[in-house]
């Protein structure tokens, strides 16, 4: 349970950073490209898996972002919505990735990506 709460907290932070960005769409495209490459490498996606995975992942992440916006900063409400969304998509990810273990790795890869992103932002702030 603590892991789920921590993961959702990091997801909230990531959603907040993504929604707070005011840079050009070019910058957003670069960030998205890095995210796609990072998660693809973490999950060791084949070409066919990647074709099936990314459209579903983008829908999933869009719903997570929408849940954050609708919760108006109410963390408990968001966590409840996010947990429901994750549960809904876990099976779909398992079908695409051919195992529940790899489906769970989607969420671990997101966490690792957010950690990498935070580290990069911190390094840039210190320069």
C-alpha atoms as a PDB file:
ATOM      1  CA  UNK A   1       0.000   0.000   0.000  1.00  0.00           C
ATOM      2  CA  UNK A   2       2.847   2.374   0.837  1.00  0.00           C
ATOM      3  CA  UNK A   3       4.426   1.649  -2.537  1.00  0.00           C
ATOM      4  CA  UNK A   4       1.168   2.455  -4.318  1.00  0.00           C
ATOM      5  CA  UNK A   5       0.798   5.722  -2.427  1.00  0.00           C
ATOM      6  CA  UNK A   6       4.417   6.676  -3.106  1.00  0.00           C
ATOM      7  CA  UNK A   7       4.039   5.815  -6.788  1.00  0.00           C
ATOM      8  CA  UNK A   8       0.876   7.849  -7.055  1.00  0.00           C
ATOM      9  CA  UNK A   9       2.553  10.756  -5.278  1.00  0.00           C
ATOM     10  CA  UNK A  10       5.345  10.715  -7.813  1.00  0.00           C
ATOM     11  CA  UNK A  11       2.803  10.468 -10.599  1.00  0.00           C
ATOM     12  CA  UNK A  12       1.074  13.538  -9.217  1.00  0.00           C
ATOM     13  CA  UNK A  13       4.397  15.364  -9.227  1.00  0.00           C
ATOM     14  CA  UNK A  14       5.025  14.290 -12.822  1.00  0.00           C
ATOM     15  CA  UNK A  15       1.545  15.384 -13.920  1.00  0.00           C
ATOM     16  CA  UNK A  16       2.050  18.713 -12.167  1.00  0.00           C
ATOM     17  CA  UNK A  17       5.361  19.289 -13.934  1.00  0.00           C
ATOM     18  CA  UNK A  18       3.874  18.340 -17.284  1.00  0.00           C
ATOM     19  CA  UNK A  19       0.858  20.615 -16.864  1.00  0.00           C
ATOM     20  CA  UNK A  20       2.967  23.494 -15.533  1.00  0.00           C
ATOM     21  CA  UNK A  21       5.293  23.616 -18.491  1.00  0.00           C
ATOM     22  CA  UNK A  22       4.904  26.793 -20.505  1.00  0.00           C
ATOM     23  CA  UNK A  23       7.659  26.121 -23.001  1.00  0.00           C
ATOM     24  CA  UNK A  24       7.022  25.639 -26.688  1.00  0.00           C
ATOM     25  CA  UNK A  25       5.496  22.489 -28.108  1.00  0.00           C
ATOM     26  CA  UNK A  26       8.945  21.701 -29.505  1.00  0.00           C
ATOM     27  CA  UNK A  27      10.273  21.322 -25.963  1.00  0.00           C
ATOM     28  CA  UNK A  28       7.258  19.199 -25.004  1.00  0.00           C
ATOM     29  CA  UNK A  29       7.867  16.992 -28.032  1.00  0.00           C
ATOM     30  CA  UNK A  30      11.484  16.486 -26.946  1.00  0.00           C
ATOM     31  CA  UNK A  31      10.413  15.570 -23.422  1.00  0.00           C
ATOM     32  CA  UNK A  32       7.811  13.153 -24.786  1.00  0.00           C
ATOM     33  CA  UNK A  33      10.378  11.609 -27.133  1.00  0.00           C
ATOM     34  CA  UNK A  34      12.761  11.023 -24.220  1.00  0.00           C
ATOM     35  CA  UNK A  35       9.923   9.469 -22.218  1.00  0.00           C
ATOM     36  CA  UNK A  36       8.991   7.125 -25.068  1.00  0.00           C
ATOM     37  CA  UNK A  37      12.613   6.069 -25.551  1.00  0.00           C
ATOM     38  CA  UNK A  38      13.168   5.586 -21.823  1.00  0.00           C
ATOM     39  CA  UNK A  39      10.062   3.481 -21.225  1.00  0.00           C
ATOM     40  CA  UNK A  40      10.597   1.504 -24.445  1.00  0.00           C
ATOM     41  CA  UNK A  41      14.104   0.605 -23.279  1.00  0.00           C
ATOM     42  CA  UNK A  42      12.984  -0.190 -19.719  1.00  0.00           C
ATOM     43  CA  UNK A  43      10.274  -2.548 -20.981  1.00  0.00           C
ATOM     44  CA  UNK A  44      12.409  -4.007 -23.789  1.00  0.00           C
ATOM     45  CA  UNK A  45       9.523  -3.505 -26.205  1.00  0.00           C
ATOM     46  CA  UNK A  46       9.664  -5.246 -29.561  1.00  0.00           C
ATOM     47  CA  UNK A  47       8.523  -3.303 -32.613  1.00  0.00           C
ATOM     48  CA  UNK A  48       5.135  -5.037 -32.597  1.00  0.00           C
ATOM     49  CA  UNK A  49       4.689  -4.541 -28.861  1.00  0.00           C
ATOM     50  CA  UNK A  50       5.617  -0.894 -29.225  1.00  0.00           C
ATOM     51  CA  UNK A  51       3.020  -0.358 -31.959  1.00  0.00           C
ATOM     52  CA  UNK A  52       0.311  -1.821 -29.754  1.00  0.00           C
ATOM     53  CA  UNK A  53       1.546  -0.366 -26.451  1.00  0.00           C
ATOM     54  CA  UNK A  54       2.005   3.344 -27.120  1.00  0.00           C
ATOM     55  CA  UNK A  55      -1.517   4.254 -28.273  1.00  0.00           C
ATOM     56  CA  UNK A  56      -2.928   2.487 -25.191  1.00  0.00           C
ATOM     57  CA  UNK A  57      -0.343   4.104 -22.900  1.00  0.00           C
ATOM     58  CA  UNK A  58      -1.162   7.570 -24.238  1.00  0.00           C
ATOM     59  CA  UNK A  59      -4.866   6.982 -23.518  1.00  0.00           C
ATOM     60  CA  UNK A  60      -3.961   5.771 -20.034  1.00  0.00           C
ATOM     61  CA  UNK A  61      -1.758   8.775 -19.318  1.00  0.00           C
ATOM     62  CA  UNK A  62      -4.375  11.148 -20.716  1.00  0.00           C
ATOM     63  CA  UNK A  63      -6.900   9.719 -18.253  1.00  0.00           C
ATOM     64  CA  UNK A  64      -4.404  10.072 -15.393  1.00  0.00           C
ATOM     65  CA  UNK A  65      -3.792  13.708 -16.327  1.00  0.00           C
ATOM     66  CA  UNK A  66      -7.537  14.343 -16.594  1.00  0.00           C
ATOM     67  CA  UNK A  67      -8.087  12.760 -13.164  1.00  0.00           C
ATOM     68  CA  UNK A  68      -5.479  15.108 -11.693  1.00  0.00           C
ATOM     69  CA  UNK A  69      -7.118  18.155 -13.266  1.00  0.00           C
ATOM     70  CA  UNK A  70     -10.578  17.098 -12.115  1.00  0.00           C
ATOM     71  CA  UNK A  71      -9.437  16.481  -8.547  1.00  0.00           C
ATOM     72  CA  UNK A  72      -8.417  20.147  -8.160  1.00  0.00           C
ATOM     73  CA  UNK A  73      -5.461  19.316  -5.948  1.00  0.00           C
ATOM     74  CA  UNK A  74      -7.384  16.900  -3.707  1.00  0.00           C
ATOM     75  CA  UNK A  75      -4.701  14.253  -3.359  1.00  0.00           C
ATOM     76  CA  UNK A  76      -6.951  11.561  -1.870  1.00  0.00           C
ATOM     77  CA  UNK A  77      -9.496  11.968  -4.655  1.00  0.00           C
ATOM     78  CA  UNK A  78      -6.777  11.824  -7.287  1.00  0.00           C
ATOM     79  CA  UNK A  79      -5.136   8.756  -5.751  1.00  0.00           C
ATOM     80  CA  UNK A  80      -8.453   6.937  -5.758  1.00  0.00           C
ATOM     81  CA  UNK A  81      -9.109   7.824  -9.399  1.00  0.00           C
ATOM     82  CA  UNK A  82      -5.546   6.987 -10.440  1.00  0.00           C
ATOM     83  CA  UNK A  83      -5.681   3.590  -8.719  1.00  0.00           C
ATOM     84  CA  UNK A  84      -8.903   2.795 -10.567  1.00  0.00           C
ATOM     85  CA  UNK A  85      -7.392   3.857 -13.889  1.00  0.00           C
ATOM     86  CA  UNK A  86      -4.255   1.788 -13.261  1.00  0.00           C
ATOM     87  CA  UNK A  87      -6.366  -1.262 -12.442  1.00  0.00           C
ATOM     88  CA  UNK A  88      -8.366  -0.765 -15.644  1.00  0.00           C
ATOM     89  CA  UNK A  89      -5.240  -0.598 -17.801  1.00  0.00           C
ATOM     90  CA  UNK A  90      -3.147  -3.248 -16.038  1.00  0.00           C
ATOM     91  CA  UNK A  91      -4.995  -6.043 -17.864  1.00  0.00           C
ATOM     92  CA  UNK A  92      -4.698  -4.317 -21.222  1.00  0.00           C
ATOM     93  CA  UNK A  93      -0.971  -3.812 -20.702  1.00  0.00           C
ATOM     94  CA  UNK A  94      -0.670  -7.495 -19.718  1.00  0.00           C
ATOM     95  CA  UNK A  95      -2.408  -8.534 -22.943  1.00  0.00           C
ATOM     96  CA  UNK A  96      -0.073  -6.389 -25.038  1.00  0.00           C
ATOM     97  CA  UNK A  97       3.098  -7.356 -23.153  1.00  0.00           C
ATOM     98  CA  UNK A  98       2.104 -11.023 -22.701  1.00  0.00           C
ATOM     99  CA  UNK A  99       2.523 -11.092 -18.914  1.00  0.00           C
ATOM    100  CA  UNK A 100       1.270  -9.424 -15.774  1.00  0.00           C
ATOM    101  CA  UNK A 101       4.845  -8.988 -14.573  1.00  0.00           C
ATOM    102  CA  UNK A 102       5.730  -6.886 -17.616  1.00  0.00           C
ATOM    103  CA  UNK A 103       2.475  -4.954 -17.207  1.00  0.00           C
ATOM    104  CA  UNK A 104       3.533  -4.036 -13.682  1.00  0.00           C
ATOM    105  CA  UNK A 105       6.894  -2.960 -15.083  1.00  0.00           C
ATOM    106  CA  UNK A 106       5.046  -0.212 -16.988  1.00  0.00           C
ATOM    107  CA  UNK A 107       4.361   1.510 -13.687  1.00  0.00           C
ATOM    108  CA  UNK A 108       7.906   0.882 -12.449  1.00  0.00           C
ATOM    109  CA  UNK A 109       9.296   2.347 -15.679  1.00  0.00           C
ATOM    110  CA  UNK A 110       7.139   5.447 -15.177  1.00  0.00           C
ATOM    111  CA  UNK A 111       8.520   5.806 -11.671  1.00  0.00           C
ATOM    112  CA  UNK A 112      12.099   5.428 -12.922  1.00  0.00           C
ATOM    113  CA  UNK A 113      11.435   7.984 -15.668  1.00  0.00           C
ATOM    114  CA  UNK A 114      10.073  10.517 -13.178  1.00  0.00           C
ATOM    115  CA  UNK A 115      13.103   9.972 -10.934  1.00  0.00           C
ATOM    116  CA  UNK A 116      15.411  10.536 -13.889  1.00  0.00           C
ATOM    117  CA  UNK A 117      13.447  13.648 -14.866  1.00  0.00           C
ATOM    118  CA  UNK A 118      13.599  15.067 -11.327  1.00  0.00           C
ATOM    119  CA  UNK A 119      17.337  14.420 -11.179  1.00  0.00           C
ATOM    120  CA  UNK A 120      17.845  16.179 -14.513  1.00  0.00           C
ATOM    121  CA  UNK A 121      15.752  19.165 -13.426  1.00  0.00           C
ATOM    122  CA  UNK A 122      17.660  19.405 -10.150  1.00  0.00           C
ATOM    123  CA  UNK A 123      20.985  19.353 -11.991  1.00  0.00           C
ATOM    124  CA  UNK A 124      19.803  22.120 -14.307  1.00  0.00           C
ATOM    125  CA  UNK A 125      18.673  24.232 -11.357  1.00  0.00           C
ATOM    126  CA  UNK A 126      22.109  23.908  -9.762  1.00  0.00           C
ATOM    127  CA  UNK A 127      23.922  25.190 -12.856  1.00  0.00           C
END
